[in-house]
Amino acid sequence: MKKTGVLLINLGTPDSPNTKDVRKYLTEFLNDPRVIDISAFGRFLLVNGIIVPFRAPKSAKIYKELWDLWNGESPLLTFGNILKKELQEKFKNEPVTVELAMRYQNPSLDEVLARMEKQHYEKIIILPLFPHYASASTGSAVEKAMRLIKQWQAIPGIKIIPQFYNEPGFIQTIIERTKKHDISSFDHVLFSYHGIPERQLEKQHPDLKCANCTCHEKFNEDHPLCYRNTCYETTRLIVKELDLKEGQYTTCFQSRLGKTPWLTPFSDKVIEDLVKAGSKRLLAFSPAFIADCLETSIEIGDEYQEIVEEHGGEKIQLVESLNDSTLWIDTVEKMVREQF
């Protein structure tokens, strides 16, 4: 067996919930041209002159809530390290080393790949921990990793796992998480994915506008790396396993930024409308994330709960992310072994 390095990459997290560290994280994250894909000058002014100065103090308070909820630690980093450790254990008798890096902040890709270069691997398997491909997540992580690797004198064989939205183990882990809840006790089920600007998808398929696409009805085989397309397919796969009927669930998108068109329907608006229409208890999945984070624990768990109560509802229950599920760790092992 070839000496192999496995590189797990997630988005990133501030080093602490202090405003200084949150500002540093947001500055790196939002200055990425794949995240805010406008002109370099416009992005510089927008991010460094408006968004970061005003958003960092507010975001720091929210990150503090997240840290407090997860025993003073970042759950994204905590569960990332658990995945790295458990996956390494599965390869303990093989010439395989598992590494974890974050696209933004620490452990940084620069630091981790510098260490990996010294190991002289024959093969490196890159697994961005994003179930659905998007230019701003998977695309950015792979681009930076390859930009660093191309500077090496000896470049090993590279395998990339671009997405796993329909991986059976991924779907089954979500189903496993659902067993903690009695679905029949809820009035409606939400599948809330992270939002992205429509323009980022239309750059992938300029011949097809999101408004004219029918991927919400059926998977579009012509665009297998389209984020919206794969999100709806994940919903269909979960719905089939849970035996949900049309009208019992909604796919929606959260965490938008700015006034340009983002993927719709918006999760907060869907929740408001559902509660007003009489759905008092909601069950929410967040399949775009493999570990709980700000967007799940705080945005859905706290902020959306406030929306529910504000409009006369009772509860929105978040289904736990994959986190440290044994089935999820087994699934990652399977995906990696398929690249040997």
Protein backbone atom coordinates (compact mmCIF):
# COMPACT_ATOMS: atom_id res chain seq x y z
CA MET A 1 0.00 0.00 0.00
CA LYS A 2 1.26 3.47 -0.89
CA LYS A 3 2.18 5.88 1.88
CA THR A 4 -0.92 8.07 2.02
CA GLY A 5 -1.94 11.34 3.64
CA VAL A 6 -5.61 12.08 4.26
CA LEU A 7 -6.43 15.77 4.50
CA LEU A 8 -9.77 16.69 6.07
CA ILE A 9 -10.74 20.33 5.50
CA ASN A 10 -13.54 22.26 7.17
CA LEU A 11 -14.49 25.92 6.89
CA GLY A 12 -12.94 27.32 10.04
CA THR A 13 -13.61 28.94 13.37
CA PRO A 14 -12.24 31.87 15.37
CA ASP A 15 -9.52 30.93 17.84
CA SER A 16 -11.77 32.30 20.59
CA PRO A 17 -15.02 34.26 20.88
CA ASN A 18 -13.08 37.43 21.69
CA THR A 19 -13.78 40.29 19.30
CA LYS A 20 -10.13 40.41 18.18
CA ASP A 21 -10.14 36.75 17.12
CA VAL A 22 -13.59 36.98 15.54
CA ARG A 23 -12.47 40.03 13.57
CA LYS A 24 -9.40 38.15 12.35
CA TYR A 25 -11.53 35.19 11.29
CA LEU A 26 -14.14 37.30 9.48
CA THR A 27 -11.44 39.31 7.71
CA GLU A 28 -9.83 36.19 6.26
CA PHE A 29 -13.14 34.50 5.48
CA LEU A 30 -14.97 37.40 3.82
CA ASN A 31 -11.97 38.60 1.81
CA ASP A 32 -11.94 35.28 -0.04
CA PRO A 33 -12.94 36.07 -3.66
CA ARG A 34 -14.90 32.81 -3.83
CA VAL A 35 -16.99 33.86 -0.84
CA ILE A 36 -17.76 37.44 -1.86
CA ASP A 37 -17.31 37.22 -5.60
CA ILE A 38 -17.30 40.87 -6.61
CA SER A 39 -14.44 43.08 -7.80
CA ALA A 40 -11.35 43.05 -5.58
CA PHE A 41 -11.67 46.79 -4.87
CA GLY A 42 -15.37 46.52 -4.08
CA ARG A 43 -14.80 43.51 -1.84
CA PHE A 44 -11.97 45.27 0.03
CA LEU A 45 -14.14 48.30 0.78
CA LEU A 46 -17.21 46.27 1.66
CA VAL A 47 -15.49 43.76 3.93
CA ASN A 48 -12.83 45.88 5.61
CA GLY A 49 -14.70 49.17 5.67
CA ILE A 50 -18.23 48.06 6.49
CA ILE A 51 -18.90 44.41 7.30
CA VAL A 52 -16.01 43.46 9.61
CA PRO A 53 -15.88 46.68 11.71
CA PHE A 54 -19.60 46.55 12.43
CA ARG A 55 -20.15 42.80 12.48
CA ALA A 56 -17.18 41.59 14.53
CA PRO A 57 -18.41 42.85 17.95
CA LYS A 58 -21.92 41.48 17.33
CA SER A 59 -20.60 38.17 16.02
CA ALA A 60 -18.28 37.86 19.03
CA LYS A 61 -21.29 37.88 21.35
CA ILE A 62 -22.93 35.13 19.31
CA TYR A 63 -19.75 33.05 19.25
CA LYS A 64 -19.58 33.46 23.04
CA GLU A 65 -23.08 31.94 23.25
CA LEU A 66 -21.91 29.06 21.06
CA TRP A 67 -18.77 28.45 23.14
CA ASP A 68 -20.82 28.52 26.35
CA LEU A 69 -23.29 26.04 24.89
CA TRP A 70 -20.45 23.63 23.99
CA ASN A 71 -18.42 23.69 27.21
CA GLY A 72 -16.24 26.64 26.28
CA GLU A 73 -15.04 25.21 22.97
CA SER A 74 -15.77 25.51 19.26
CA PRO A 75 -17.88 22.44 18.35
CA LEU A 76 -16.60 22.58 14.78
CA LEU A 77 -13.03 22.15 15.97
CA THR A 78 -13.93 19.72 18.74
CA PHE A 79 -15.74 17.31 16.44
CA GLY A 80 -13.14 17.83 13.71
CA ASN A 81 -10.43 16.65 16.08
CA ILE A 82 -12.53 13.69 17.17
CA LEU A 83 -13.06 12.69 13.54
CA LYS A 84 -9.33 13.00 12.86
CA LYS A 85 -8.44 10.91 15.92
CA GLU A 86 -11.02 8.17 15.31
CA LEU A 87 -10.21 7.96 11.61
CA GLN A 88 -6.50 7.69 12.37
CA GLU A 89 -7.29 4.80 14.72
CA LYS A 90 -8.97 2.93 11.87
CA PHE A 91 -5.74 3.19 9.85
CA LYS A 92 -3.34 2.49 12.73
CA ASN A 93 -1.85 -0.59 11.04
CA GLU A 94 -1.52 1.03 7.61
CA PRO A 95 0.84 3.69 6.18
CA VAL A 96 -1.88 6.33 6.41
CA THR A 97 -1.75 9.64 8.29
CA VAL A 98 -4.88 11.73 8.87
CA GLU A 99 -4.66 15.51 9.16
CA LEU A 100 -7.30 18.18 9.86
CA ALA A 101 -7.07 21.73 8.54
CA MET A 102 -9.38 24.72 8.39
CA ARG A 103 -9.74 26.86 5.31
CA TYR A 104 -9.76 29.94 7.53
CA GLN A 105 -7.73 30.29 10.75
CA ASN A 106 -6.43 27.30 12.69
CA PRO A 107 -5.20 24.65 12.21
CA SER A 108 -4.31 26.42 8.99
CA LEU A 109 -3.88 24.77 5.62
CA ASP A 110 -0.48 26.45 5.32
CA GLU A 111 0.76 24.87 8.54
CA VAL A 112 -0.77 21.43 7.95
CA LEU A 113 0.36 21.11 4.33
CA ALA A 114 3.87 22.28 5.25
CA ARG A 115 3.97 19.36 7.67
CA MET A 116 2.54 16.96 5.09
CA GLU A 117 5.17 17.97 2.52
CA LYS A 118 7.89 16.67 4.81
CA GLN A 119 6.25 13.22 4.98
CA HIS A 120 6.89 12.48 1.28
CA TYR A 121 3.55 10.82 0.62
CA GLU A 122 2.94 8.93 -2.61
CA LYS A 123 -0.72 9.90 -2.47
CA ILE A 124 -2.83 12.53 -0.74
CA ILE A 125 -6.61 12.21 -0.42
CA ILE A 126 -8.37 15.54 0.11
CA LEU A 127 -11.81 15.44 1.72
CA PRO A 128 -13.49 18.83 2.20
CA LEU A 129 -16.09 18.26 4.92
CA PHE A 130 -18.93 19.83 2.96
CA PRO A 131 -21.63 17.41 1.78
CA HIS A 132 -22.65 19.63 -1.13
CA TYR A 133 -20.17 21.24 -3.51
CA ALA A 134 -20.16 25.04 -3.58
CA SER A 135 -17.50 27.34 -4.97
CA ALA A 136 -17.39 29.29 -1.71
CA SER A 137 -16.73 26.20 0.43
CA THR A 138 -15.35 23.11 -1.34
CA GLY A 139 -14.07 25.15 -4.28
CA SER A 140 -12.19 27.55 -2.04
CA ALA A 141 -10.72 24.80 0.15
CA VAL A 142 -9.48 22.75 -2.81
CA GLU A 143 -8.16 25.81 -4.62
CA LYS A 144 -6.03 26.87 -1.66
CA ALA A 145 -4.80 23.34 -0.98
CA MET A 146 -3.71 22.91 -4.60
CA ARG A 147 -2.12 26.37 -4.65
CA LEU A 148 0.09 25.31 -1.75
CA ILE A 149 0.82 21.81 -3.04
CA LYS A 150 1.85 23.03 -6.48
CA GLN A 151 4.81 24.78 -4.85
CA TRP A 152 6.25 21.48 -3.64
CA GLN A 153 9.22 20.01 -5.46
CA ALA A 154 7.71 16.51 -5.27
CA ILE A 155 3.98 16.50 -5.92
CA PRO A 156 2.27 13.19 -5.01
CA GLY A 157 -0.84 11.71 -6.57
CA ILE A 158 -3.89 13.71 -5.52
CA LYS A 159 -7.42 12.39 -5.06
CA ILE A 160 -10.26 14.77 -4.22
CA ILE A 161 -13.68 13.85 -2.86
CA PRO A 162 -15.71 16.87 -4.05
CA GLN A 163 -19.01 16.07 -2.30
CA PHE A 164 -20.98 13.32 -0.60
CA TYR A 165 -24.57 14.61 -0.55
CA ASN A 166 -25.93 11.19 -1.57
CA GLU A 167 -23.46 8.92 0.21
CA PRO A 168 -25.59 6.19 1.86
CA GLY A 169 -23.73 6.39 5.18
CA PHE A 170 -24.17 10.17 5.27
CA ILE A 171 -27.92 9.81 4.77
CA GLN A 172 -28.18 6.95 7.26
CA THR A 173 -26.33 8.94 9.94
CA ILE A 174 -28.91 11.70 9.58
CA ILE A 175 -31.67 9.10 9.89
CA GLU A 176 -29.94 7.72 13.00
CA ARG A 177 -29.94 11.19 14.55
CA THR A 178 -33.67 11.48 13.85
CA LYS A 179 -34.45 8.49 16.08
CA LYS A 180 -34.03 10.71 19.13
CA HIS A 181 -37.23 12.49 18.13
CA ASP A 182 -40.83 11.46 17.57
CA ILE A 183 -41.53 12.92 14.12
CA SER A 184 -45.27 12.38 14.57
CA SER A 185 -45.23 14.93 17.40
CA PHE A 186 -44.22 17.72 15.03
CA ASP A 187 -46.47 19.64 12.66
CA HIS A 188 -43.89 20.18 9.92
CA VAL A 189 -40.32 19.20 9.01
CA LEU A 190 -37.72 21.67 7.71
CA PHE A 191 -34.55 20.93 5.77
CA SER A 192 -32.56 24.13 6.22
CA TYR A 193 -29.38 24.44 4.14
CA HIS A 194 -26.84 27.22 4.19
CA GLY A 195 -27.71 29.82 1.57
CA ILE A 196 -25.49 31.15 -1.20
CA PRO A 197 -26.02 33.90 -3.82
CA GLU A 198 -27.81 32.70 -6.95
CA ARG A 199 -25.11 34.31 -9.08
CA GLN A 200 -22.54 31.81 -7.82
CA LEU A 201 -24.61 28.95 -9.19
CA GLU A 202 -25.39 30.74 -12.43
CA LYS A 203 -21.65 31.18 -13.01
CA GLN A 204 -21.49 27.37 -13.05
CA HIS A 205 -24.36 27.05 -15.51
CA PRO A 206 -24.84 30.42 -17.27
CA ASP A 207 -27.25 28.76 -19.68
CA LEU A 208 -29.66 27.96 -16.85
CA LYS A 209 -31.04 30.50 -14.38
CA CYS A 210 -32.06 29.29 -10.93
CA ALA A 211 -35.56 30.65 -11.49
CA ASN A 212 -35.98 28.39 -14.52
CA CYS A 213 -34.44 25.24 -13.00
CA THR A 214 -36.61 22.33 -11.88
CA CYS A 215 -34.03 20.66 -9.61
CA HIS A 216 -36.43 21.15 -6.71
CA GLU A 217 -38.63 18.55 -8.46
CA LYS A 218 -36.03 16.19 -9.91
CA PHE A 219 -32.24 15.86 -9.85
CA ASN A 220 -30.62 17.58 -12.83
CA GLU A 221 -27.99 15.14 -14.18
CA ASP A 222 -26.44 17.89 -16.32
CA HIS A 223 -25.31 19.86 -13.27
CA PRO A 224 -24.05 17.37 -10.64
CA LEU A 225 -21.95 20.00 -8.84
CA CYS A 226 -24.77 22.54 -8.51
CA TYR A 227 -25.33 23.27 -4.83
CA ARG A 228 -29.08 23.82 -5.08
CA ASN A 229 -29.46 20.67 -7.14
CA THR A 230 -27.64 18.47 -4.63
CA CYS A 231 -29.36 20.04 -1.60
CA TYR A 232 -32.77 19.12 -2.97
CA GLU A 233 -31.53 15.62 -3.74
CA THR A 234 -30.35 15.17 -0.14
CA THR A 235 -33.79 16.22 1.03
CA ARG A 236 -35.43 13.67 -1.28
CA LEU A 237 -33.17 10.88 -0.01
CA ILE A 238 -33.91 11.68 3.65
CA VAL A 239 -37.62 12.12 3.00
CA LYS A 240 -37.76 8.72 1.33
CA GLU A 241 -36.13 7.06 4.36
CA LEU A 242 -38.47 8.85 6.77
CA ASP A 243 -41.52 8.16 4.59
CA LEU A 244 -42.61 11.80 4.65
CA LYS A 245 -45.35 12.91 2.28
CA GLU A 246 -45.62 16.02 0.11
CA GLY A 247 -46.78 18.89 2.28
CA GLN A 248 -45.15 17.52 5.44
CA TYR A 249 -41.76 19.09 4.78
CA THR A 250 -40.03 22.11 3.21
CA THR A 251 -36.52 22.66 1.86
CA CYS A 252 -35.22 26.15 2.64
CA PHE A 253 -32.02 28.18 2.93
CA GLN A 254 -30.54 30.23 5.79
CA SER A 255 -27.74 32.72 6.58
CA ARG A 256 -28.04 35.17 3.68
CA LEU A 257 -25.91 38.33 3.49
CA GLY A 258 -26.57 41.51 1.51
CA LYS A 259 -29.35 42.44 -0.87
CA THR A 260 -28.44 40.46 -3.99
CA PRO A 261 -30.64 37.43 -4.79
CA TRP A 262 -29.87 34.38 -2.63
CA LEU A 263 -31.37 30.92 -2.80
CA THR A 264 -34.98 30.82 -1.68
CA PRO A 265 -37.19 30.12 0.16
CA PHE A 266 -35.57 31.71 3.20
CA SER A 267 -35.71 29.57 6.34
CA ASP A 268 -36.77 32.38 8.69
CA LYS A 269 -39.63 33.41 6.39
CA VAL A 270 -40.76 29.79 5.95
CA ILE A 271 -40.84 29.34 9.73
CA GLU A 272 -42.84 32.52 10.21
CA ASP A 273 -45.40 31.50 7.59
CA LEU A 274 -45.71 27.95 8.92
CA VAL A 275 -46.31 29.09 12.48
CA LYS A 276 -48.85 31.69 11.38
CA ALA A 277 -50.64 28.95 9.46
CA GLY A 278 -50.92 26.80 12.57
CA SER A 279 -47.76 24.67 12.69
CA LYS A 280 -46.79 25.08 16.33
CA ARG A 281 -44.02 22.47 16.52
CA LEU A 282 -41.29 22.19 13.89
CA LEU A 283 -38.47 19.67 13.44
CA ALA A 284 -35.41 21.10 11.67
CA PHE A 285 -32.59 19.31 9.87
CA SER A 286 -29.43 21.10 8.75
CA PRO A 287 -27.82 18.64 6.31
CA ALA A 288 -25.26 21.08 4.92
CA PHE A 289 -23.21 20.76 8.12
CA ILE A 290 -21.42 17.67 9.41
CA ALA A 291 -20.86 19.23 12.84
CA ASP A 292 -22.92 21.59 14.93
CA CYS A 293 -21.84 25.19 14.70
CA LEU A 294 -23.10 28.78 14.79
CA GLU A 295 -25.61 28.15 12.00
CA THR A 296 -27.17 25.14 13.73
CA SER A 297 -26.91 25.63 17.50
CA ILE A 298 -27.49 29.39 17.52
CA GLU A 299 -29.25 30.36 14.30
CA ILE A 300 -31.70 27.45 14.28
CA GLY A 301 -31.65 26.49 17.94
CA ASP A 302 -31.98 30.01 19.40
CA GLU A 303 -32.81 32.64 16.78
CA TYR A 304 -35.42 30.58 14.96
CA GLN A 305 -36.94 29.56 18.31
CA GLU A 306 -37.52 33.27 18.94
CA ILE A 307 -39.33 33.55 15.59
CA VAL A 308 -41.51 30.56 16.49
CA GLU A 309 -42.48 32.03 19.85
CA GLU A 310 -42.96 35.52 18.46
CA HIS A 311 -45.67 34.25 16.12
CA GLY A 312 -47.44 32.01 18.60
CA GLY A 313 -45.65 28.71 18.06
CA GLU A 314 -44.15 26.40 20.65
CA LYS A 315 -40.94 24.74 19.54
CA ILE A 316 -38.44 24.31 16.73
CA GLN A 317 -36.36 21.22 17.48
CA LEU A 318 -32.95 20.95 15.83
CA VAL A 319 -31.84 17.47 14.81
CA GLU A 320 -28.23 17.07 15.98
CA SER A 321 -25.54 17.15 13.29
CA LEU A 322 -23.37 14.12 12.51
CA ASN A 323 -20.78 15.27 15.07
CA ASP A 324 -19.05 12.22 16.59
CA SER A 325 -21.49 9.55 15.38
CA THR A 326 -19.79 6.17 14.96
CA LEU A 327 -21.74 5.61 11.75
CA TRP A 328 -20.48 8.94 10.38
CA ILE A 329 -16.86 8.08 11.21
CA ASP A 330 -17.33 4.68 9.52
CA THR A 331 -18.72 6.48 6.49
CA VAL A 332 -15.68 8.74 6.23
CA GLU A 333 -13.44 5.69 6.43
CA LYS A 334 -15.40 4.08 3.58
CA MET A 335 -15.14 7.19 1.40
CA VAL A 336 -11.41 7.41 1.99
CA ARG A 337 -10.76 3.72 1.33
CA GLU A 338 -12.58 3.98 -1.98
CA GLN A 339 -9.79 6.35 -3.10
CA PHE A 340 -6.94 3.88 -2.43
